[in-house]
Amino acid sequence: MLDPMWRVFILTLLATVGAAAQGNGGPPQERKERYPAFRDAEVRLIEDYYRPGSGKAPPGLAKRGGDLPPGLTQQLRRGGTLPPGLESKVEPFPADLEKRIGPAPAGYRRLLFGKAALLVQNTTKLIVDIISVSF
């Protein structure tokens, strides 16, 4: 039979180890990071803003038909990164659409490229969410 003080010590130790294993104090690499995404309400606002016939398609899209080359389409995916050559070709959301949706999450920005709306992390250029927009 254990001394009551040892019992308290062992129970405290087990509780501390259990809390660390659940991510309440463990190293950051052990915790799963959660990324923001387009919410359903945001998707509806974006689709409504760019609905066919609204005349709000990005300017260059009408000229090139809106289709992306197959190689670029494969690179623009959730979990991928924004290719360096495309950074100058993406456009921020129009100010009036941003106003309707509200600000992007801290550290992220919303961008348009072709018929794709992207949510991109500022520092890493990681594409955390992507939706297709119909013009």
Protein backbone atom coordinates (compact mmCIF):
# COMPACT_ATOMS: atom_id res chain seq x y z
CA MET A 1 0.00 0.00 0.00
CA LEU A 2 1.32 3.42 -0.98
CA ASP A 3 1.78 6.25 1.43
CA PRO A 4 -0.96 8.93 0.87
CA MET A 5 1.72 11.52 -0.06
CA TRP A 6 3.03 9.23 -2.82
CA ARG A 7 -0.51 8.74 -4.11
CA VAL A 8 -0.99 12.51 -4.38
CA PHE A 9 2.38 12.85 -6.11
CA ILE A 10 1.62 10.09 -8.63
CA LEU A 11 -1.90 11.38 -9.36
CA THR A 12 -0.55 14.93 -9.88
CA LEU A 13 2.18 13.60 -12.18
CA LEU A 14 -0.33 11.59 -14.22
CA ALA A 15 -2.65 14.58 -14.51
CA THR A 16 0.21 16.79 -15.73
CA VAL A 17 1.37 14.23 -18.29
CA GLY A 18 -2.23 13.72 -19.49
CA ALA A 19 -2.77 17.46 -19.97
CA ALA A 20 0.45 17.77 -21.98
CA ALA A 21 -0.54 14.83 -24.18
CA GLN A 22 -3.85 16.54 -24.99
CA GLY A 23 -2.08 19.61 -26.34
CA ASN A 24 -2.65 21.88 -23.37
CA GLY A 25 1.00 22.66 -23.00
CA GLY A 26 2.83 20.28 -25.24
CA PRO A 27 5.21 21.42 -27.95
CA PRO A 28 3.54 23.26 -30.87
CA GLN A 29 4.53 20.60 -33.43
CA GLU A 30 2.35 18.07 -31.59
CA ARG A 31 -0.78 20.21 -31.88
CA LYS A 32 -2.83 20.21 -35.07
CA GLU A 33 -3.14 23.67 -36.58
CA ARG A 34 -6.51 24.78 -37.81
CA TYR A 35 -6.77 27.06 -40.78
CA PRO A 36 -9.65 29.38 -41.56
CA ALA A 37 -11.86 28.69 -44.56
CA PHE A 38 -14.56 30.42 -46.54
CA ARG A 39 -17.74 30.20 -44.46
CA ASP A 40 -21.03 29.28 -46.14
CA ALA A 41 -22.32 32.84 -45.77
CA GLU A 42 -19.16 34.21 -47.43
CA VAL A 43 -19.48 31.75 -50.32
CA ARG A 44 -23.10 32.85 -50.87
CA LEU A 45 -22.08 36.53 -50.86
CA ILE A 46 -19.24 35.88 -53.33
CA GLU A 47 -21.49 33.84 -55.64
CA ASP A 48 -24.20 36.49 -55.47
CA TYR A 49 -21.70 39.26 -56.20
CA TYR A 50 -20.28 37.46 -59.26
CA ARG A 51 -23.48 35.82 -60.48
CA PRO A 52 -23.68 35.61 -64.29
CA GLY A 53 -24.96 38.82 -65.79
CA SER A 54 -23.86 40.99 -62.86
CA GLY A 55 -21.12 42.58 -64.96
CA LYS A 56 -18.66 42.29 -62.08
CA ALA A 57 -16.21 39.80 -63.56
CA PRO A 58 -12.57 40.84 -63.12
CA PRO A 59 -11.44 42.93 -66.13
CA GLY A 60 -8.91 40.53 -67.69
CA LEU A 61 -11.18 37.54 -67.37
CA ALA A 62 -13.41 38.46 -70.32
CA LYS A 63 -10.40 38.62 -72.64
CA ARG A 64 -8.90 35.28 -71.72
CA GLY A 65 -12.18 33.44 -71.23
CA GLY A 66 -11.53 32.66 -67.56
CA ASP A 67 -9.91 29.29 -68.12
CA LEU A 68 -6.59 28.57 -66.47
CA PRO A 69 -3.83 26.52 -68.07
CA PRO A 70 -3.93 22.90 -66.76
CA GLY A 71 -0.57 23.24 -64.98
CA LEU A 72 -1.76 26.24 -62.99
CA THR A 73 -5.05 24.60 -62.16
CA GLN A 74 -3.18 21.73 -60.51
CA GLN A 75 -1.05 24.13 -58.45
CA LEU A 76 -4.04 26.13 -57.21
CA ARG A 77 -5.42 23.76 -54.62
CA ARG A 78 -6.12 23.73 -50.91
CA GLY A 79 -2.86 22.97 -49.12
CA GLY A 80 -0.74 24.16 -52.05
CA THR A 81 1.17 27.39 -52.20
CA LEU A 82 0.64 30.35 -54.45
CA PRO A 83 3.24 30.01 -57.23
CA PRO A 84 5.69 32.95 -57.22
CA GLY A 85 4.94 33.87 -60.85
CA LEU A 86 1.24 34.24 -60.09
CA GLU A 87 1.58 36.68 -57.22
CA SER A 88 1.54 39.61 -59.61
CA LYS A 89 -1.47 38.21 -61.49
CA VAL A 90 -3.84 37.63 -58.59
CA GLU A 91 -6.23 40.40 -57.66
CA PRO A 92 -7.57 41.32 -54.24
CA PHE A 93 -11.30 41.14 -53.73
CA PRO A 94 -13.10 44.35 -54.77
CA ALA A 95 -13.48 46.78 -51.87
CA ASP A 96 -17.29 46.66 -51.93
CA LEU A 97 -17.27 42.84 -51.78
CA GLU A 98 -14.74 42.88 -48.91
CA LYS A 99 -17.00 45.35 -47.12
CA ARG A 100 -19.99 42.99 -47.50
CA ILE A 101 -18.04 39.95 -46.33
CA GLY A 102 -16.03 41.65 -43.61
CA PRO A 103 -12.29 41.57 -43.06
CA ALA A 104 -10.28 38.43 -43.80
CA PRO A 105 -8.98 36.55 -40.75
CA ALA A 106 -5.82 38.08 -39.28
CA GLY A 107 -2.77 36.98 -41.25
CA TYR A 108 -4.78 35.99 -44.34
CA ARG A 109 -6.08 37.67 -47.49
CA ARG A 110 -8.71 36.89 -50.08
CA LEU A 111 -7.59 36.88 -53.70
CA LEU A 112 -9.06 36.21 -57.13
CA PHE A 113 -7.29 34.39 -59.90
CA GLY A 114 -9.30 33.45 -62.95
CA LYS A 115 -12.46 31.78 -61.72
CA ALA A 116 -10.92 30.88 -58.36
CA ALA A 117 -11.38 32.71 -55.07
CA LEU A 118 -8.47 31.99 -52.75
CA LEU A 119 -7.89 32.42 -49.03
CA VAL A 120 -4.11 32.71 -48.67
CA GLN A 121 -1.87 32.93 -45.63
CA ASN A 122 0.19 36.12 -45.91
CA THR A 123 3.54 34.84 -44.66
CA THR A 124 3.75 31.41 -46.30
CA LYS A 125 1.49 31.96 -49.35
CA LEU A 126 -0.29 28.75 -48.32
CA ILE A 127 -3.69 28.35 -49.97
CA VAL A 128 -5.89 27.42 -47.03
CA ASP A 129 -9.15 27.44 -49.01
CA ILE A 130 -10.26 27.79 -52.60
CA ILE A 131 -13.67 28.02 -54.23
CA SER A 132 -14.76 28.19 -57.84
CA VAL A 133 -16.65 31.32 -58.86
CA SER A 134 -19.10 31.41 -61.75
CA PHE A 135 -19.05 34.55 -63.88
